Every structure is written in structure tokens, then in C-alpha cells.
Amino acid sequence: MKGLYGRLVLANILFLSVLLTGLGIVLGQFFPLFNQGADPIIKRDYLLFLLIVLLTALFVSLYIITRLLLQYIKPIDEVTSNAIKLAEGDYSVHTAMIEKERKNDLSSAIYSISQTMQEISTEREMEKERLNTLIESMGSGLLMFGRGGTLNLVNGVFRTTFGFKDDEKLIGKTVNSLELPGELESLIEDVYMTEQSCETQLNLQVNGVSSSVNVYGAPVIGNYGNWLGIVVVIHDITELVRLEKIRKDFVANVSHELRTPVTSIKGFAETLLDGAMNDQTVMKEFLEIIQKESNRLKRLIDELLVLSDVEREGFTLQYSEVGLKKMIYEAIQVVSGRIEEKDMVVSFDMPNEIVIDGDEGRLIQVMVNLLSNAIIYSMKDTTITIEVKEIEDDVVIIVKDEGIGIKESELERLFERFYRVDRARSRDSGGTGLGLAIVKHLIEVHGGTIQVESKSNVGTSFSLRIPRRKRNY
């Protein structure tokens, strides 16, 4: 038997054995006396009395010892067992109470300890779950290295950013064994060496993809000033860098586009004031140039305002029922003068009217821009073809020309602001480079998409896919 309770039970058995042995010895001492001529009846009565007394004493002592064991010794064994379980981390133990009117203080204390430890353990598990959720929900990659230089903590964003699999074991690896980009590895090593915070922007190549990241590394200091390791936060700023580049390019392009007509107007005006206005022929020529440049400047400002309005937050369309046949003919009428100048033909045949939900004025603006581009980049005596198709719940409008076409390498940038395929031809025609950017935004606001296909010296085809009915998002 194990434990204090078992040892006492064994002691009780030994005590009984000794008692019985003593009883045998006593009886053995009395037998010779009785054999010397005592009355058999007296002998029997005496032996019976002695046996009853001894057995009574035996059972009384056994009862008392058993009660003592049950009341005082067995709980100690239970408390000891539960204390061992608590030491092993099992906080679910419950020590039995002896009696409601006789509570064991030690048992009560162990029970309170187990309850408190279980509550603390539950709270720690909840805090750990919250921390893990927070770390995994971060939009930045997170690494934490211990004092020994091994990885102690990593989140899913880091794994995704650097192409590690979810089941790949990273915990316990060193900086060098992670095979991180050289710039990032150097920064981590610098933080280890200097024990100073460091923040920088890096351009990384990860799995063949270029990305810009902001990396912040700092030592982790304990409450008592002890150095625990370092933490590294990696924030992907690729989109921010791209937007910043677009902003800078936009400012530079606007400045350039505005400077050209303003410089022309200023130069010819100064020439006229210097005496050229006395020559009627020269004055008329210069004034025509000034008028042309001012018209170009006005178009640029108008299109900038349109683009700004379309991209403005809260921009809405004036929806109504739009007949596509009527809308397309109105757009053709707007550019008809330029079509006649180049002896071009517009092929458009739509026997049945198709009605969609849309902003008629904006859709006319889209078609005018596409037709204007087709006219600018096409030779004389060519044809512009317009087709309308119905596909499921959408309508597809195709504008196809027989112009110079666009190289495949330039298709991705076609809808950027101020981007021109042929800058000289576009500038001569008064183009601003904003038309297709406006078209793309207006179609997307309608809930549609735009695609382009082109071959050099063959022609270009723009496909607009617009939902027939207004979609609520």
C-alpha cells in the first residue's frame, strides 16, 4: 500500500497481529493452571470470559483506529496526492471535504489553490489566444528573436510575404538559416550588435516579385532592464510607393502640359507687343496660334476637372434609361467634322434599340473619347467600326479602328494619365493624354469593365462591358 494512509492500515494490521499473539500467549499460560485439577465448568467460564474481553478490546481498538484513520489520516493522503497533481500542472483536482461541520483547513487550502490556479490558467489561455489573434491579424510581418538568436515568434503575414508555407517549421531557426533577403538579414544583425532601434525602407526581391517594405527593428527590454531579444516589424508599403510615384508623375506631367501652351501664348504675345502687331498678316497668324494654344489649355483644364470629379469620393451618376442607338449616334455627330476632314467612315448598324440604366451624358463622353482616339491614330480613308452585343445581363460595345495600333508592351500603361502612344501625333491633334483615364473611370463607376486589343499597323479594338441594369453594391 502507498501513502500515509496505507502505511497506517498496515500498522493497524500488525497491531492486531500482536494483540492476537498476546492473546495466544495468555491462553497458553492459563492452560497448565487449569489442567491442575480446576473445575471444568470454572475453566470453561473463565476462558469464555477472557475470550470475550479480549475480542471486545480488539474490536473496540479496531473501530477507534479505523475512525482515526478515516478522519485524520486519509485526507492527508488525498491532500498529498492533489498537491502532487497541482505541482505537475493539473489544476482540475478537487480535494474532498471531510464533513461540513469539521472542515479540514489543509484540504480547504488545497482546494482554494486549485480553484485559483485553474482560473489563472484559464485567464492565461484567453490572453494567449487574444495575443495570437492580434499577431495574426496584423497587417505587417512580425518576427521576434530571443537572446540566443533563435526565432521565438512569427506571424502569418511574414510567411505569406516571404513565401514560407504555413506548416513549415520556423520557430527555433537562426537568422541565417531563414534565408531572408540580404538587406533584411543585415538589418537584423545590426540591431543585435548595436542593441539600438533601427528603421529603414528596403526594396526586396521575393520569389521574383519586387516590393517595397518599411522595416523596424528594436531590442526587447524586460521590466528590470534585462535584454530579452529583438522584435522586427515588416510593413509592405509597395502600394504607397506606387501611389506616391503616380502623384509625382502627375504633378510633373501637369506642369509640363500646362507650361507648353502657356509658354507659347506668352512668347507670341511678347512678340506682338514688340512690334509684330503692326504687320496685319503676322498679327493674324500669331493670334490664331494663341487661340489654338488657349483652346488646348482649356481642354486640358476641363479634362483635369472631369477626372478630378470622377475620382472624387461620393461621385454619383445621374441614372436614367439610355437608348444605346441614340446615344452612339449623338457621339458620332459630335466628332463628325473631324471624320469628314480625314475622309473616314463610321460603320454602325443597330436595327433594334437596346435600353440600359446609365448616365447618358457620361456615356456620350466615353464614346466621344474613344472615337476621337480612333480618328487621331488612323490614316485617311479608313473605317471605324462600332458593334453592340448582348451577353447575358450585360451589353458589350466595341469600337474598332484601322490605325497604327499599339505595341503589346504599352497596353498595360494605356489608361495612365498623360500616357500617349504617339506623343507627336497626339500633341498636334490637341490630345491631352487624359481621355482614356476618364473613360476607364466612368465605365468602372457604371459597374462595367474595359478591355483593349491591338496589333501594330493593323488597328485597335476597345470593348466596353456595361450591365444593363443598375447594380447596387
Protein backbone atom coordinates (compact mmCIF):
# COMPACT_ATOMS: atom_id res chain seq x y z
CA MET A 1 0.00 0.00 0.00
CA LYS A 2 1.20 3.51 -0.89
CA GLY A 3 0.89 6.72 1.09
CA LEU A 4 0.47 7.53 4.75
CA TYR A 5 -2.99 6.01 4.87
CA GLY A 6 -1.73 2.68 3.54
CA ARG A 7 1.15 2.60 5.94
CA LEU A 8 -1.17 3.21 8.90
CA VAL A 9 -3.54 0.49 7.75
CA LEU A 10 -0.58 -1.86 7.62
CA ALA A 11 0.44 -0.74 11.12
CA ASN A 12 -3.10 -1.46 12.33
CA ILE A 13 -2.90 -4.98 10.92
CA LEU A 14 0.43 -5.53 12.66
CA PHE A 15 -1.09 -4.24 15.91
CA LEU A 16 -3.93 -6.72 15.64
CA SER A 17 -1.47 -9.49 14.92
CA VAL A 18 0.49 -8.61 18.06
CA LEU A 19 -2.73 -8.47 20.06
CA LEU A 20 -3.80 -11.89 18.87
CA THR A 21 -0.33 -13.24 19.59
CA GLY A 22 -0.56 -11.85 23.12
CA LEU A 23 -3.94 -13.45 23.49
CA GLY A 24 -2.45 -16.80 22.50
CA ILE A 25 0.37 -16.42 24.98
CA VAL A 26 -2.04 -15.57 27.80
CA LEU A 27 -4.18 -18.53 26.99
CA GLY A 28 -1.12 -20.73 26.85
CA GLN A 29 -0.16 -19.59 30.38
CA PHE A 30 -3.55 -20.37 31.80
CA PHE A 31 -3.93 -23.83 30.31
CA PRO A 32 -1.44 -25.53 32.69
CA LEU A 33 -3.19 -23.90 35.65
CA PHE A 34 -6.49 -25.24 34.54
CA ASN A 35 -5.04 -28.69 33.98
CA GLN A 36 -4.07 -28.98 37.67
CA GLY A 37 -7.48 -30.01 38.84
CA ALA A 38 -9.65 -26.93 38.42
CA ASP A 39 -13.34 -27.37 37.96
CA PRO A 40 -14.01 -27.84 34.21
CA ILE A 41 -17.04 -25.57 34.40
CA ILE A 42 -14.99 -22.81 36.00
CA LYS A 43 -12.29 -23.28 33.39
CA ARG A 44 -14.76 -23.01 30.60
CA ASP A 45 -16.47 -19.95 32.02
CA TYR A 46 -13.15 -18.31 32.73
CA LEU A 47 -11.85 -18.94 29.24
CA LEU A 48 -15.07 -17.76 27.68
CA PHE A 49 -14.98 -14.58 29.72
CA LEU A 50 -11.36 -13.97 28.82
CA LEU A 51 -12.03 -14.53 25.15
CA ILE A 52 -15.00 -12.15 25.15
CA VAL A 53 -12.97 -9.45 26.91
CA LEU A 54 -10.08 -9.77 24.51
CA LEU A 55 -12.28 -9.83 21.43
CA THR A 56 -14.24 -6.82 22.68
CA ALA A 57 -11.00 -4.95 23.26
CA LEU A 58 -9.83 -5.99 19.86
CA PHE A 59 -12.91 -4.72 18.03
CA VAL A 60 -13.09 -1.52 20.05
CA SER A 61 -9.46 -0.73 19.27
CA LEU A 62 -10.00 -1.61 15.63
CA TYR A 63 -13.04 0.70 15.41
CA ILE A 64 -11.19 3.56 17.09
CA ILE A 65 -8.13 3.20 14.88
CA THR A 66 -10.28 2.97 11.75
CA ARG A 67 -12.18 6.11 12.67
CA LEU A 68 -8.93 7.93 13.33
CA LEU A 69 -7.55 6.79 10.01
CA LEU A 70 -10.65 7.86 8.11
CA GLN A 71 -10.99 11.20 9.92
CA TYR A 72 -7.40 12.39 10.08
CA ILE A 73 -5.02 10.27 8.08
CA LYS A 74 -6.81 9.52 4.79
CA PRO A 75 -7.44 13.26 3.96
CA ILE A 76 -3.71 13.88 4.39
CA ASP A 77 -3.03 11.25 1.75
CA GLU A 78 -5.61 12.84 -0.58
CA VAL A 79 -4.18 16.29 0.01
CA THR A 80 -0.68 14.99 -0.71
CA SER A 81 -1.85 13.37 -3.96
CA ASN A 82 -3.64 16.53 -5.07
CA ALA A 83 -0.66 18.67 -4.19
CA ILE A 84 1.49 16.47 -6.42
CA LYS A 85 -1.04 16.91 -9.26
CA LEU A 86 -1.00 20.68 -8.75
CA ALA A 87 2.79 20.66 -8.94
CA GLU A 88 2.50 18.76 -12.25
CA GLY A 89 0.15 21.40 -13.67
CA ASP A 90 -3.18 19.63 -13.24
CA TYR A 91 -5.38 22.37 -11.78
CA SER A 92 -8.66 20.46 -12.10
CA VAL A 93 -8.18 18.48 -8.85
CA HIS A 94 -10.82 18.74 -6.13
CA THR A 95 -9.93 17.66 -2.58
CA ALA A 96 -12.84 16.03 -0.74
CA MET A 97 -14.15 17.85 2.31
CA ILE A 98 -14.38 15.70 5.43
CA GLU A 99 -17.59 16.86 6.99
CA LYS A 100 -19.40 20.13 6.73
CA GLU A 101 -19.10 20.70 10.46
CA ARG A 102 -15.46 19.52 10.56
CA LYS A 103 -13.67 21.10 7.63
CA ASN A 104 -10.01 20.26 7.20
CA ASP A 105 -8.05 23.52 6.86
CA LEU A 106 -5.32 21.92 4.74
CA SER A 107 -7.85 20.34 2.39
CA SER A 108 -9.71 23.65 2.10
CA ALA A 109 -6.46 25.46 1.32
CA ILE A 110 -5.51 22.97 -1.40
CA TYR A 111 -8.99 23.25 -2.88
CA SER A 112 -8.75 27.06 -2.93
CA ILE A 113 -5.31 26.86 -4.51
CA SER A 114 -6.57 24.51 -7.23
CA GLN A 115 -9.52 26.81 -7.97
CA THR A 116 -7.30 29.89 -8.10
CA MET A 117 -4.70 28.19 -10.28
CA GLN A 118 -7.40 26.92 -12.64
CA GLU A 119 -8.79 30.46 -13.00
CA ILE A 120 -5.30 31.82 -13.60
CA SER A 121 -4.63 29.09 -16.16
CA THR A 122 -7.92 29.83 -17.97
CA GLU A 123 -7.13 33.54 -18.00
CA ARG A 124 -3.66 32.88 -19.36
CA GLU A 125 -5.11 30.72 -22.13
CA MET A 126 -7.55 33.50 -23.04
CA GLU A 127 -4.77 36.10 -23.05
CA LYS A 128 -2.63 33.82 -25.19
CA GLU A 129 -5.50 33.36 -27.64
CA ARG A 130 -6.06 37.12 -27.80
CA LEU A 131 -2.35 37.73 -28.38
CA ASN A 132 -2.21 35.11 -31.15
CA THR A 133 -5.30 36.61 -32.78
CA LEU A 134 -3.78 40.10 -32.58
CA ILE A 135 -0.46 38.95 -34.03
CA GLU A 136 -2.11 37.05 -36.89
CA SER A 137 -4.49 39.95 -37.61
CA MET A 138 -1.67 42.47 -38.02
CA GLY A 139 -1.23 43.83 -41.49
CA SER A 140 2.54 43.68 -41.03
CA GLY A 141 5.01 40.82 -40.81
CA LEU A 142 6.27 40.18 -37.27
CA LEU A 143 9.41 38.39 -36.07
CA MET A 144 10.78 38.02 -32.55
CA PHE A 145 14.22 36.61 -31.82
CA GLY A 146 15.42 35.51 -28.38
CA ARG A 147 18.72 36.32 -26.72
CA GLY A 148 20.27 33.25 -28.31
CA GLY A 149 19.46 34.50 -31.81
CA THR A 150 16.74 31.92 -32.50
CA LEU A 151 13.27 32.75 -33.77
CA ASN A 152 10.63 32.68 -31.00
CA LEU A 153 7.61 34.22 -32.72
CA VAL A 154 6.39 34.65 -36.30
CA ASN A 155 3.03 35.51 -37.83
CA GLY A 156 1.20 34.51 -41.00
CA VAL A 157 1.78 37.83 -42.80
CA PHE A 158 5.54 37.24 -42.69
CA ARG A 159 5.09 33.71 -44.03
CA THR A 160 2.94 34.97 -46.90
CA THR A 161 5.22 37.89 -47.73
CA PHE A 162 8.36 35.76 -47.92
CA GLY A 163 6.80 32.62 -49.37
CA PHE A 164 7.03 30.29 -46.37
CA LYS A 165 4.45 27.52 -46.09
CA ASP A 166 2.03 27.52 -43.15
CA ASP A 167 3.24 24.13 -41.93
CA GLU A 168 6.93 24.94 -42.37
CA LYS A 169 8.68 24.99 -39.01
CA LEU A 170 10.42 28.32 -38.46
CA ILE A 171 10.47 28.54 -34.66
CA GLY A 172 13.95 27.81 -33.33
CA LYS A 173 15.77 28.77 -36.53
CA THR A 174 18.53 31.37 -36.57
CA VAL A 175 18.57 34.50 -38.72
CA ASN A 176 20.98 32.97 -41.22
CA SER A 177 19.05 29.70 -41.59
CA LEU A 178 15.85 31.55 -42.56
CA GLU A 179 17.46 32.59 -45.87
CA LEU A 180 15.99 36.08 -45.77
CA PRO A 181 16.96 38.79 -48.30
CA GLY A 182 20.42 40.10 -47.61
CA GLU A 183 19.32 43.66 -46.73
CA LEU A 184 16.82 42.42 -44.15
CA GLU A 185 19.29 39.96 -42.65
CA SER A 186 21.90 42.72 -42.31
CA LEU A 187 19.42 45.00 -40.53
CA ILE A 188 18.53 42.27 -38.01
CA GLU A 189 22.21 41.60 -37.32
CA ASP A 190 22.85 45.35 -36.84
CA VAL A 191 20.09 45.56 -34.22
CA TYR A 192 21.65 42.57 -32.43
CA MET A 193 25.10 44.10 -32.49
CA THR A 194 24.19 47.66 -31.51
CA GLU A 195 21.14 46.91 -29.34
CA GLN A 196 19.62 50.08 -30.80
CA SER A 197 16.34 50.63 -32.66
CA CYS A 198 16.59 50.86 -36.43
CA GLU A 199 14.06 51.79 -39.12
CA THR A 200 14.58 51.86 -42.88
CA GLN A 201 12.90 51.27 -46.24
CA LEU A 202 14.05 48.39 -48.38
CA ASN A 203 13.34 47.24 -51.92
CA LEU A 204 13.20 43.47 -51.80
CA GLN A 205 13.01 40.77 -54.43
CA VAL A 206 10.93 37.90 -53.05
CA ASN A 207 10.06 34.99 -55.36
CA GLY A 208 10.77 37.18 -58.37
CA VAL A 209 8.39 39.93 -57.20
CA SER A 210 9.72 43.38 -56.34
CA SER A 211 8.22 45.00 -53.27
CA SER A 212 8.94 47.97 -51.02
CA VAL A 213 8.84 47.44 -47.27
CA ASN A 214 9.35 49.55 -44.19
CA VAL A 215 11.35 47.56 -41.62
CA TYR A 216 11.52 48.47 -37.93
CA GLY A 217 13.80 46.54 -35.59
CA ALA A 218 14.16 47.17 -31.87
CA PRO A 219 15.59 45.39 -28.81
CA VAL A 220 13.11 43.91 -26.31
CA ILE A 221 13.87 45.11 -22.77
CA GLY A 222 12.34 43.44 -19.69
CA ASN A 223 10.79 45.22 -16.69
CA TYR A 224 14.09 45.15 -14.85
CA GLY A 225 16.21 46.32 -17.76
CA ASN A 226 17.30 42.86 -18.87
CA TRP A 227 17.78 42.30 -22.59
CA LEU A 228 15.37 39.64 -23.91
CA GLY A 229 15.98 39.73 -27.67
CA ILE A 230 14.75 41.79 -30.62
CA VAL A 231 11.48 42.35 -32.44
CA VAL A 232 11.22 43.09 -36.18
CA VAL A 233 8.12 44.55 -37.86
CA ILE A 234 7.92 44.46 -41.68
CA HIS A 235 5.25 46.65 -43.27
CA ASP A 236 4.55 46.36 -47.00
CA ILE A 237 4.43 49.87 -48.49
CA THR A 238 4.53 48.83 -52.15
CA GLU A 239 1.12 50.36 -52.86
CA LEU A 240 2.01 53.58 -51.02
CA VAL A 241 5.23 53.90 -53.02
CA ARG A 242 3.31 53.27 -56.24
CA LEU A 243 0.72 55.92 -55.37
CA GLU A 244 3.44 58.37 -54.42
CA LYS A 245 5.15 57.78 -57.76
CA ILE A 246 1.82 58.32 -59.56
CA ARG A 247 1.34 61.57 -57.63
CA LYS A 248 4.81 62.82 -58.53
CA ASP A 249 4.39 61.82 -62.15
CA PHE A 250 1.00 63.50 -62.24
CA VAL A 251 2.37 66.77 -60.88
CA ALA A 252 5.30 66.64 -63.30
CA ASN A 253 3.04 65.87 -66.28
CA VAL A 254 0.53 68.57 -65.39
CA SER A 255 3.32 71.10 -65.00
CA HIS A 256 4.78 70.09 -68.36
CA GLU A 257 1.43 70.09 -70.16
CA LEU A 258 0.47 73.49 -68.76
CA ARG A 259 3.88 75.01 -69.38
CA THR A 260 3.87 74.28 -73.13
CA PRO A 261 0.73 76.27 -74.11
CA VAL A 262 1.41 79.00 -71.54
CA THR A 263 4.94 79.46 -72.91
CA SER A 264 3.62 79.64 -76.47
CA ILE A 265 0.94 82.18 -75.56
CA LYS A 266 3.42 84.26 -73.57
CA GLY A 267 6.05 84.17 -76.34
CA PHE A 268 3.72 85.16 -79.17
CA ALA A 269 2.10 87.88 -77.06
CA GLU A 270 5.51 89.37 -76.28
CA THR A 271 6.44 89.21 -79.98
CA LEU A 272 3.27 91.08 -80.89
CA LEU A 273 3.91 93.73 -78.26
CA ASP A 274 7.46 94.17 -79.53
CA GLY A 275 6.10 95.42 -82.88
CA ALA A 276 4.88 92.39 -84.81
CA MET A 277 1.27 93.55 -84.36
CA ASN A 278 1.94 96.31 -86.88
CA ASP A 279 2.10 93.64 -89.57
CA GLN A 280 -1.51 92.51 -90.07
CA THR A 281 -0.53 89.18 -91.63
CA VAL A 282 1.89 88.28 -88.84
CA MET A 283 -0.51 89.50 -86.19
CA LYS A 284 -3.34 87.31 -87.54
CA GLU A 285 -1.07 84.25 -87.70
CA PHE A 286 0.17 84.79 -84.15
CA LEU A 287 -3.33 85.40 -82.81
CA GLU A 288 -4.53 82.16 -84.41
CA ILE A 289 -1.65 80.31 -82.72
CA ILE A 290 -2.53 81.97 -79.40
CA GLN A 291 -6.17 80.95 -79.85
CA LYS A 292 -5.16 77.35 -80.66
CA GLU A 293 -2.91 77.13 -77.61
CA SER A 294 -5.54 78.71 -75.35
CA ASN A 295 -8.12 76.18 -76.61
CA ARG A 296 -5.68 73.40 -75.89
CA LEU A 297 -5.08 74.83 -72.42
CA LYS A 298 -8.84 74.99 -71.82
CA ARG A 299 -9.30 71.36 -72.92
CA LEU A 300 -6.55 70.26 -70.56
CA ILE A 301 -8.07 72.10 -67.61
CA ASP A 302 -11.56 70.82 -68.43
CA GLU A 303 -10.36 67.22 -68.62
CA LEU A 304 -8.42 67.58 -65.38
CA LEU A 305 -11.58 68.84 -63.71
CA VAL A 306 -13.59 65.95 -65.16
CA LEU A 307 -11.03 63.39 -63.99
CA SER A 308 -10.88 65.00 -60.55
CA ASP A 309 -14.67 64.95 -60.34
CA VAL A 310 -14.90 61.29 -61.37
CA GLU A 311 -12.28 60.22 -58.83
CA ARG A 312 -13.82 62.32 -56.06
CA GLU A 313 -15.26 60.36 -53.14
CA GLY A 314 -19.03 60.42 -53.27
CA PHE A 315 -19.18 60.88 -57.04
CA THR A 316 -22.51 59.59 -58.37
CA LEU A 317 -24.04 59.14 -61.79
CA GLN A 318 -27.33 60.60 -62.96
CA TYR A 319 -29.02 57.33 -63.86
CA SER A 320 -31.80 57.16 -66.43
CA GLU A 321 -32.92 54.84 -69.21
CA VAL A 322 -30.42 55.25 -72.05
CA GLY A 323 -31.09 54.11 -75.61
CA LEU A 324 -27.70 52.94 -76.93
CA LYS A 325 -28.57 53.55 -80.57
CA LYS A 326 -29.49 57.17 -79.93
CA MET A 327 -26.52 57.71 -77.58
CA ILE A 328 -23.95 56.36 -80.08
CA TYR A 329 -25.38 58.44 -82.96
CA GLU A 330 -25.10 61.57 -80.82
CA ALA A 331 -21.44 60.77 -80.08
CA ILE A 332 -20.76 60.24 -83.80
CA GLN A 333 -22.39 63.59 -84.54
CA VAL A 334 -20.02 65.34 -82.10
CA VAL A 335 -16.92 64.11 -84.00
CA SER A 336 -18.46 64.15 -87.48
CA GLY A 337 -16.49 67.23 -88.54
CA ARG A 338 -13.15 65.58 -87.77
CA ILE A 339 -14.30 62.39 -89.52
CA GLU A 340 -15.06 64.35 -92.69
CA GLU A 341 -11.67 66.09 -92.54
CA LYS A 342 -9.92 62.71 -92.82
CA ASP A 343 -12.45 61.22 -95.26
CA MET A 344 -13.15 58.42 -92.77
CA VAL A 345 -16.26 56.25 -92.49
CA VAL A 346 -18.06 55.07 -89.35
CA SER A 347 -19.70 51.66 -89.72
CA PHE A 348 -22.57 51.32 -87.26
CA ASP A 349 -25.74 49.37 -87.85
CA MET A 350 -28.08 48.62 -84.95
CA PRO A 351 -31.55 47.54 -86.09
CA ASN A 352 -33.10 47.24 -82.64
CA GLU A 353 -32.80 49.72 -79.82
CA ILE A 354 -31.24 48.46 -76.58
CA VAL A 355 -32.05 50.34 -73.39
CA ILE A 356 -29.78 50.26 -70.33
CA ASP A 357 -29.55 52.08 -66.99
CA GLY A 358 -26.80 54.67 -67.09
CA ASP A 359 -25.74 58.31 -67.20
CA GLU A 360 -26.37 59.33 -70.82
CA GLY A 361 -24.09 62.37 -70.71
CA ARG A 362 -21.18 60.38 -69.30
CA LEU A 363 -21.67 57.54 -71.79
CA ILE A 364 -21.63 60.03 -74.68
CA GLN A 365 -18.40 61.42 -73.21
CA VAL A 366 -16.92 57.89 -73.18
CA MET A 367 -17.87 57.25 -76.83
CA VAL A 368 -16.57 60.66 -77.96
CA ASN A 369 -13.20 59.97 -76.33
CA LEU A 370 -12.92 56.53 -77.96
CA LEU A 371 -13.96 57.86 -81.38
CA SER A 372 -11.55 60.80 -81.07
CA ASN A 373 -8.67 58.42 -80.35
CA ALA A 374 -9.67 56.28 -83.33
CA ILE A 375 -9.64 59.35 -85.57
CA ILE A 376 -6.30 60.66 -84.26
CA TYR A 377 -4.41 57.39 -84.68
CA SER A 378 -5.92 56.32 -88.02
CA MET A 379 -4.93 57.19 -91.56
CA LYS A 380 -7.23 58.87 -94.06
CA ASP A 381 -9.84 56.84 -95.92
CA THR A 382 -10.11 54.21 -93.15
CA THR A 383 -13.14 52.83 -91.32
CA ILE A 384 -14.18 52.95 -87.67
CA THR A 385 -16.47 50.06 -86.77
CA ILE A 386 -18.91 50.13 -83.86
CA GLU A 387 -20.61 46.92 -82.72
CA VAL A 388 -23.11 46.28 -79.92
CA LYS A 389 -23.68 42.83 -78.43
CA GLU A 390 -25.83 41.46 -75.65
CA ILE A 391 -24.14 38.93 -73.35
CA GLU A 392 -26.32 37.63 -70.51
CA ASP A 393 -27.23 40.66 -68.36
CA ASP A 394 -24.58 42.90 -69.91
CA VAL A 395 -24.14 44.92 -73.06
CA VAL A 396 -20.81 44.98 -74.92
CA ILE A 397 -19.88 47.98 -77.08
CA ILE A 398 -16.88 47.50 -79.39
CA VAL A 399 -15.07 50.42 -81.07
CA LYS A 400 -12.55 49.21 -83.66
CA ASP A 401 -10.25 51.28 -85.87
CA GLU A 402 -7.72 50.60 -88.64
CA GLY A 403 -4.99 52.79 -87.19
CA ILE A 404 -1.35 52.48 -86.24
CA GLY A 405 -2.08 50.10 -83.38
CA ILE A 406 -0.38 49.79 -80.03
CA LYS A 407 2.59 47.68 -79.03
CA GLU A 408 1.85 44.92 -76.55
CA SER A 409 4.40 46.34 -74.12
CA GLU A 410 2.44 49.61 -73.96
CA LEU A 411 -1.02 48.14 -73.36
CA GLU A 412 -0.59 47.98 -69.56
CA ARG A 413 0.06 51.72 -69.35
CA LEU A 414 -2.59 52.76 -71.82
CA PHE A 415 -5.05 54.01 -69.19
CA GLU A 416 -2.48 56.00 -67.19
CA ARG A 417 -2.90 59.76 -67.06
CA PHE A 418 -0.97 61.69 -69.70
CA TYR A 419 0.25 58.49 -71.36
CA ARG A 420 0.40 58.76 -75.14
CA VAL A 421 1.27 56.06 -77.66
CA ASP A 422 2.42 58.62 -80.25
CA ARG A 423 3.20 61.86 -78.42
CA ALA A 424 3.89 63.94 -81.51
CA ARG A 425 0.63 62.98 -83.26
CA SER A 426 -1.40 63.35 -80.05
CA ARG A 427 0.04 66.78 -79.30
CA ASP A 428 -0.54 68.02 -82.85
CA SER A 429 -4.18 66.96 -82.64
CA GLY A 430 -4.69 68.68 -79.30
CA GLY A 431 -4.84 65.49 -77.24
CA THR A 432 -4.14 65.76 -73.51
CA GLY A 433 -3.43 62.12 -72.65
CA LEU A 434 -6.31 62.07 -70.15
CA GLY A 435 -9.10 60.72 -72.35
CA LEU A 436 -8.63 57.00 -71.73
CA ALA A 437 -8.11 57.54 -68.00
CA ILE A 438 -11.51 59.29 -67.91
CA VAL A 439 -13.10 56.51 -69.99
CA LYS A 440 -11.82 53.81 -67.64
CA HIS A 441 -13.10 55.57 -64.52
CA LEU A 442 -16.52 56.31 -66.00
CA ILE A 443 -17.03 52.70 -67.13
CA GLU A 444 -15.96 51.38 -63.72
CA VAL A 445 -18.36 53.75 -61.98
CA HIS A 446 -21.11 52.24 -64.16
CA GLY A 447 -20.08 48.84 -62.79
CA GLY A 448 -18.51 47.77 -66.08
CA THR A 449 -15.10 46.89 -67.45
CA ILE A 450 -12.97 47.96 -70.41
CA GLN A 451 -10.55 45.82 -72.42
CA VAL A 452 -8.24 46.61 -75.32
CA GLU A 453 -6.74 44.52 -78.09
CA SER A 454 -4.30 45.88 -80.62
CA LYS A 455 -1.77 44.98 -83.29
CA SER A 456 0.80 47.33 -84.74
CA ASN A 457 -0.20 48.73 -88.16
CA VAL A 458 -3.45 46.74 -88.04
CA GLY A 459 -5.68 48.57 -85.60
CA THR A 460 -7.04 48.76 -82.07
CA SER A 461 -10.27 47.47 -80.55
CA PHE A 462 -11.80 48.74 -77.31
CA SER A 463 -14.52 46.61 -75.65
CA LEU A 464 -16.84 48.15 -73.07
CA ARG A 465 -18.93 45.75 -71.00
CA ILE A 466 -21.71 47.52 -69.10
CA PRO A 467 -24.54 45.99 -67.03
CA ARG A 468 -27.98 46.57 -68.49
CA ARG A 469 -29.48 47.35 -65.12
CA LYS A 470 -28.06 49.41 -62.28
CA ARG A 471 -26.30 47.26 -59.70
CA ASN A 472 -26.50 48.12 -56.02
CA TYR A 473 -23.23 47.42 -54.17
